C-alpha cells in the first residue's frame, strides 16, 4: 500500500490523503466537507481516505500521522499542507488557493 500511494503522489499533480479514526465523529463530519471543497474549488485533487488500523499503520508512520483526522495535501509530489482536527474549511480554502493557483494557473 505504501509503495502504491507514494507512486500516486509522484505521478499525479495533486493528491489529498485523509487519515481517519474508526470511532472519530470529527473525522466523519469533516471528510465530506473536505471532499466537497476539493471537488468544487480544487478539482485536480485526487482524494484518498484511510481508516487508521494495523493495515494502514505503516502508511501513517511513513507520513508521520499520529492523530485522526489528519489531511495531507501534495502538489507536484511535495507536501504543501498538513492539517488536523481543528480544520476550518474556509481557512483550508484560503491556505490552498495560492499554491494551487501557482501549480495550475
N, C-alpha and C. Protein backbone atom coordinates (compact mmCIF):
# COMPACT_ATOMS: atom_id res chain seq x y z
N UNK A 1 0.83 -1.20 0.00
CA UNK A 1 0.00 0.00 0.00
C UNK A 1 0.87 1.26 0.00
N UNK A 2 1.94 1.25 0.79
CA UNK A 2 2.82 2.42 0.87
C UNK A 2 3.42 2.74 -0.50
N UNK A 3 3.93 1.74 -1.18
CA UNK A 3 4.56 1.99 -2.49
C UNK A 3 3.52 2.49 -3.50
N UNK A 4 2.31 1.99 -3.41
CA UNK A 4 1.24 2.43 -4.31
C UNK A 4 0.92 3.91 -4.09
N UNK A 5 0.80 4.31 -2.82
CA UNK A 5 0.47 5.71 -2.51
C UNK A 5 1.62 6.64 -2.86
N UNK A 6 2.85 6.24 -2.55
CA UNK A 6 3.98 7.10 -2.91
C UNK A 6 4.08 7.25 -4.43
N UNK A 7 3.75 6.20 -5.16
CA UNK A 7 3.74 6.27 -6.63
C UNK A 7 2.65 7.25 -7.10
N UNK A 8 1.47 7.17 -6.50
CA UNK A 8 0.38 8.08 -6.85
C UNK A 8 0.79 9.53 -6.61
N UNK A 9 1.44 9.78 -5.47
CA UNK A 9 1.87 11.14 -5.13
C UNK A 9 2.87 11.67 -6.16
N UNK A 10 3.76 10.80 -6.62
CA UNK A 10 4.76 11.22 -7.61
C UNK A 10 4.17 11.38 -9.01
N UNK A 11 3.18 10.59 -9.34
CA UNK A 11 2.64 10.59 -10.70
C UNK A 11 1.51 11.61 -10.92
N UNK A 12 0.73 11.88 -9.89
CA UNK A 12 -0.40 12.80 -10.04
C UNK A 12 -0.02 14.18 -9.54
N UNK A 13 -0.55 15.19 -10.18
CA UNK A 13 -0.19 16.57 -9.85
C UNK A 13 -0.71 17.03 -8.50
N UNK A 14 -1.87 16.53 -8.09
CA UNK A 14 -2.49 16.98 -6.84
C UNK A 14 -3.14 15.80 -6.13
N UNK A 15 -2.68 15.53 -4.90
CA UNK A 15 -3.16 14.37 -4.15
C UNK A 15 -3.51 14.80 -2.73
N UNK A 16 -4.66 14.33 -2.25
CA UNK A 16 -5.09 14.56 -0.88
C UNK A 16 -5.17 13.21 -0.17
N UNK A 17 -4.49 13.10 0.98
CA UNK A 17 -4.56 11.90 1.81
C UNK A 17 -5.27 12.27 3.10
N UNK A 18 -6.31 11.53 3.44
CA UNK A 18 -7.10 11.80 4.64
C UNK A 18 -7.06 10.57 5.53
N UNK A 19 -6.52 10.74 6.73
CA UNK A 19 -6.44 9.65 7.71
C UNK A 19 -7.51 9.88 8.76
N UNK A 20 -8.34 8.85 8.99
CA UNK A 20 -9.45 8.99 9.94
C UNK A 20 -9.45 7.83 10.92
N UNK A 21 -10.06 8.06 12.07
CA UNK A 21 -10.18 7.03 13.10
C UNK A 21 -11.51 6.30 13.00
N UNK A 22 -11.56 5.10 13.57
CA UNK A 22 -12.75 4.25 13.49
C UNK A 22 -13.95 4.86 14.22
N UNK A 23 -13.71 5.40 15.37
CA UNK A 23 -14.81 5.96 16.17
C UNK A 23 -14.62 7.47 16.36
N UNK A 24 -14.32 8.13 15.29
CA UNK A 24 -13.99 9.56 15.34
C UNK A 24 -15.12 10.35 14.69
N UNK A 25 -15.92 11.01 15.51
CA UNK A 25 -17.05 11.77 14.97
C UNK A 25 -16.57 12.99 14.17
N UNK A 26 -15.49 13.60 14.61
CA UNK A 26 -14.93 14.74 13.87
C UNK A 26 -14.51 14.28 12.47
N UNK A 27 -13.90 13.11 12.40
CA UNK A 27 -13.47 12.56 11.10
C UNK A 27 -14.64 12.39 10.15
N UNK A 28 -15.73 11.86 10.67
CA UNK A 28 -16.91 11.60 9.84
C UNK A 28 -17.57 12.88 9.36
N UNK A 29 -17.55 13.92 10.18
CA UNK A 29 -18.15 15.20 9.79
C UNK A 29 -17.26 15.94 8.80
N UNK A 30 -15.96 15.88 9.02
CA UNK A 30 -15.01 16.64 8.22
C UNK A 30 -14.79 16.07 6.81
N UNK A 31 -14.77 14.76 6.69
CA UNK A 31 -14.45 14.13 5.40
C UNK A 31 -15.34 14.61 4.24
N UNK A 32 -16.67 14.58 4.36
CA UNK A 32 -17.49 15.04 3.23
C UNK A 32 -17.31 16.53 2.93
N UNK A 33 -17.02 17.32 3.94
CA UNK A 33 -16.80 18.75 3.72
C UNK A 33 -15.52 18.98 2.93
N UNK A 34 -14.48 18.22 3.25
CA UNK A 34 -13.22 18.33 2.52
C UNK A 34 -13.40 17.87 1.08
N UNK A 35 -14.08 16.75 0.90
CA UNK A 35 -14.34 16.24 -0.45
C UNK A 35 -15.10 17.28 -1.28
N UNK A 36 -16.10 17.89 -0.68
CA UNK A 36 -16.90 18.91 -1.36
C UNK A 36 -16.05 20.11 -1.76
N UNK A 37 -15.21 20.58 -0.83
CA UNK A 37 -14.32 21.71 -1.11
C UNK A 37 -13.39 21.39 -2.27
N UNK A 38 -12.75 20.23 -2.22
CA UNK A 38 -11.81 19.86 -3.28
C UNK A 38 -12.52 19.74 -4.63
N UNK A 39 -13.69 19.12 -4.64
CA UNK A 39 -14.43 18.96 -5.89
C UNK A 39 -14.87 20.31 -6.47
N UNK A 40 -15.28 21.21 -5.60
CA UNK A 40 -15.80 22.50 -6.06
C UNK A 40 -14.71 23.49 -6.46
N UNK A 41 -13.65 23.59 -5.65
CA UNK A 41 -12.66 24.65 -5.85
C UNK A 41 -11.29 24.17 -6.32
N UNK A 42 -10.98 22.90 -6.08
CA UNK A 42 -9.65 22.38 -6.40
C UNK A 42 -9.79 21.01 -7.07
N UNK A 43 -10.41 21.01 -8.22
CA UNK A 43 -10.86 19.76 -8.85
C UNK A 43 -9.74 18.84 -9.34
N UNK A 44 -8.53 19.31 -9.41
CA UNK A 44 -7.43 18.46 -9.87
C UNK A 44 -6.96 17.49 -8.78
N UNK A 45 -7.41 17.67 -7.54
CA UNK A 45 -7.00 16.78 -6.45
C UNK A 45 -7.67 15.42 -6.57
N UNK A 46 -6.88 14.38 -6.39
CA UNK A 46 -7.45 13.04 -6.19
C UNK A 46 -7.47 12.81 -4.68
N UNK A 47 -8.59 12.35 -4.17
CA UNK A 47 -8.80 12.20 -2.73
C UNK A 47 -8.70 10.73 -2.35
N UNK A 48 -7.88 10.45 -1.33
CA UNK A 48 -7.69 9.08 -0.84
C UNK A 48 -7.88 9.09 0.67
N UNK A 49 -8.80 8.27 1.14
CA UNK A 49 -9.15 8.21 2.56
C UNK A 49 -8.68 6.88 3.15
N UNK A 50 -8.13 6.94 4.36
CA UNK A 50 -7.61 5.75 5.03
C UNK A 50 -8.12 5.68 6.46
N UNK A 51 -8.66 4.55 6.82
CA UNK A 51 -9.05 4.28 8.20
C UNK A 51 -7.80 3.81 8.93
N UNK A 52 -7.45 4.47 10.02
CA UNK A 52 -6.24 4.08 10.75
C UNK A 52 -6.47 2.75 11.45
N UNK A 53 -5.68 1.76 11.05
CA UNK A 53 -5.72 0.43 11.65
C UNK A 53 -4.37 -0.25 11.41
N UNK A 54 -4.26 -1.53 11.72
CA UNK A 54 -2.98 -2.23 11.56
C UNK A 54 -2.51 -2.23 10.11
N UNK A 55 -3.44 -2.34 9.19
CA UNK A 55 -3.08 -2.39 7.77
C UNK A 55 -2.50 -1.07 7.27
N UNK A 56 -3.03 0.04 7.75
CA UNK A 56 -2.58 1.35 7.28
C UNK A 56 -1.53 1.98 8.20
N UNK A 57 -1.15 1.30 9.27
CA UNK A 57 -0.16 1.84 10.22
C UNK A 57 1.16 2.20 9.54
N UNK A 58 1.72 1.35 8.67
CA UNK A 58 2.98 1.73 8.02
C UNK A 58 2.84 2.99 7.16
N UNK A 59 1.70 3.15 6.52
CA UNK A 59 1.45 4.33 5.71
C UNK A 59 1.38 5.58 6.59
N UNK A 60 0.64 5.49 7.68
CA UNK A 60 0.53 6.61 8.62
C UNK A 60 1.90 6.95 9.21
N UNK A 61 2.67 5.95 9.56
CA UNK A 61 4.01 6.18 10.13
C UNK A 61 4.92 6.85 9.10
N UNK A 62 4.86 6.40 7.87
CA UNK A 62 5.70 6.98 6.81
C UNK A 62 5.45 8.48 6.67
N UNK A 63 4.20 8.89 6.79
CA UNK A 63 3.84 10.30 6.65
C UNK A 63 3.75 11.02 8.00
N UNK A 64 4.23 10.37 9.07
CA UNK A 64 4.23 10.95 10.42
C UNK A 64 2.83 11.41 10.84
N UNK A 65 1.86 10.56 10.61
CA UNK A 65 0.48 10.83 11.01
C UNK A 65 0.21 10.05 12.29
N UNK A 66 -0.05 10.77 13.37
CA UNK A 66 -0.25 10.13 14.66
C UNK A 66 -1.62 10.44 15.27
N UNK A 67 -2.36 11.34 14.66
CA UNK A 67 -3.68 11.72 15.16
C UNK A 67 -4.71 11.63 14.04
N UNK A 68 -5.95 11.49 14.44
CA UNK A 68 -7.04 11.49 13.47
C UNK A 68 -8.03 12.59 13.85
N UNK A 69 -8.54 13.29 12.88
CA UNK A 69 -8.23 13.21 11.46
C UNK A 69 -6.97 14.01 11.12
N UNK A 70 -6.31 13.60 10.07
CA UNK A 70 -5.18 14.34 9.51
C UNK A 70 -5.34 14.37 7.99
N UNK A 71 -5.21 15.55 7.43
CA UNK A 71 -5.28 15.74 5.99
C UNK A 71 -3.92 16.20 5.49
N UNK A 72 -3.40 15.49 4.49
CA UNK A 72 -2.14 15.87 3.85
C UNK A 72 -2.44 16.21 2.40
N UNK A 73 -1.94 17.34 1.95
CA UNK A 73 -2.16 17.76 0.57
C UNK A 73 -0.81 17.88 -0.14
N UNK A 74 -0.72 17.24 -1.29
CA UNK A 74 0.51 17.22 -2.08
C UNK A 74 0.26 17.86 -3.44
N UNK A 75 1.17 18.72 -3.84
CA UNK A 75 1.16 19.29 -5.19
C UNK A 75 2.51 18.98 -5.83
N UNK A 76 2.47 18.39 -7.00
CA UNK A 76 3.67 18.02 -7.75
C UNK A 76 4.65 17.23 -6.89
N UNK A 77 4.12 16.30 -6.09
CA UNK A 77 4.95 15.40 -5.29
C UNK A 77 5.44 15.95 -3.98
N UNK A 78 5.10 17.19 -3.65
CA UNK A 78 5.58 17.81 -2.42
C UNK A 78 4.41 18.12 -1.50
N UNK A 79 4.61 17.85 -0.21
CA UNK A 79 3.57 18.18 0.77
C UNK A 79 3.49 19.70 0.90
N UNK A 80 2.31 20.24 0.67
CA UNK A 80 2.12 21.69 0.76
C UNK A 80 1.26 22.09 1.96
N UNK A 81 0.52 21.14 2.52
CA UNK A 81 -0.35 21.47 3.64
C UNK A 81 -0.66 20.23 4.45
N UNK A 82 -0.64 20.40 5.77
CA UNK A 82 -0.99 19.34 6.72
C UNK A 82 -1.90 19.98 7.76
N UNK A 83 -3.03 19.35 7.98
CA UNK A 83 -3.97 19.90 8.95
C UNK A 83 -4.66 18.77 9.71
N UNK A 84 -5.14 19.09 10.91
CA UNK A 84 -5.75 18.08 11.76
C UNK A 84 -7.18 18.38 12.12
N UNK A 85 -7.56 17.98 13.33
CA UNK A 85 -8.97 18.03 13.71
C UNK A 85 -9.52 19.44 13.87
N UNK A 86 -8.68 20.42 14.03
CA UNK A 86 -9.17 21.80 14.15
C UNK A 86 -9.22 22.49 12.80
N UNK A 87 -9.51 21.74 11.77
CA UNK A 87 -9.53 22.26 10.40
C UNK A 87 -10.79 23.08 10.15
N UNK A 88 -10.58 24.28 9.67
CA UNK A 88 -11.67 25.14 9.22
C UNK A 88 -11.69 25.05 7.69
N UNK A 89 -12.84 24.76 7.13
CA UNK A 89 -12.95 24.63 5.68
C UNK A 89 -12.61 25.95 4.99
N UNK A 90 -13.06 27.06 5.51
CA UNK A 90 -12.75 28.35 4.90
C UNK A 90 -11.25 28.65 5.00
N UNK A 91 -10.64 28.30 6.12
CA UNK A 91 -9.20 28.50 6.27
C UNK A 91 -8.43 27.57 5.33
N UNK A 92 -8.89 26.35 5.20
CA UNK A 92 -8.27 25.40 4.28
C UNK A 92 -8.33 25.93 2.85
N UNK A 93 -9.47 26.48 2.47
CA UNK A 93 -9.64 27.05 1.13
C UNK A 93 -8.62 28.17 0.89
N UNK A 94 -8.48 29.07 1.85
CA UNK A 94 -7.56 30.19 1.66
C UNK A 94 -6.09 29.75 1.69
N UNK A 95 -5.76 28.75 2.51
CA UNK A 95 -4.38 28.26 2.58
C UNK A 95 -3.98 27.53 1.30
N UNK A 96 -4.92 26.90 0.66
CA UNK A 96 -4.63 26.09 -0.51
C UNK A 96 -4.71 26.88 -1.82
N UNK A 97 -5.40 28.00 -1.81
CA UNK A 97 -5.65 28.76 -3.04
C UNK A 97 -4.37 29.18 -3.75
N UNK A 98 -3.44 29.75 -3.04
CA UNK A 98 -2.21 30.25 -3.69
C UNK A 98 -1.35 29.14 -4.26
N UNK A 99 -0.97 28.11 -3.49
CA UNK A 99 -0.15 27.06 -4.09
C UNK A 99 -0.85 26.35 -5.26
N UNK A 100 -2.15 26.18 -5.17
CA UNK A 100 -2.91 25.55 -6.25
C UNK A 100 -2.88 26.43 -7.50
N UNK A 101 -3.04 27.72 -7.31
CA UNK A 101 -3.01 28.67 -8.43
C UNK A 101 -1.63 28.68 -9.08
N UNK A 102 -0.57 28.60 -8.29
CA UNK A 102 0.79 28.57 -8.84
C UNK A 102 0.99 27.33 -9.71
N UNK A 103 0.48 26.20 -9.25
CA UNK A 103 0.65 24.95 -10.00
C UNK A 103 -0.21 24.87 -11.25
N UNK A 104 -1.43 25.35 -11.15
CA UNK A 104 -2.39 25.11 -12.23
C UNK A 104 -2.89 26.37 -12.94
N UNK A 105 -2.43 27.53 -12.46
CA UNK A 105 -2.80 28.78 -13.12
C UNK A 105 -4.19 29.08 -13.04
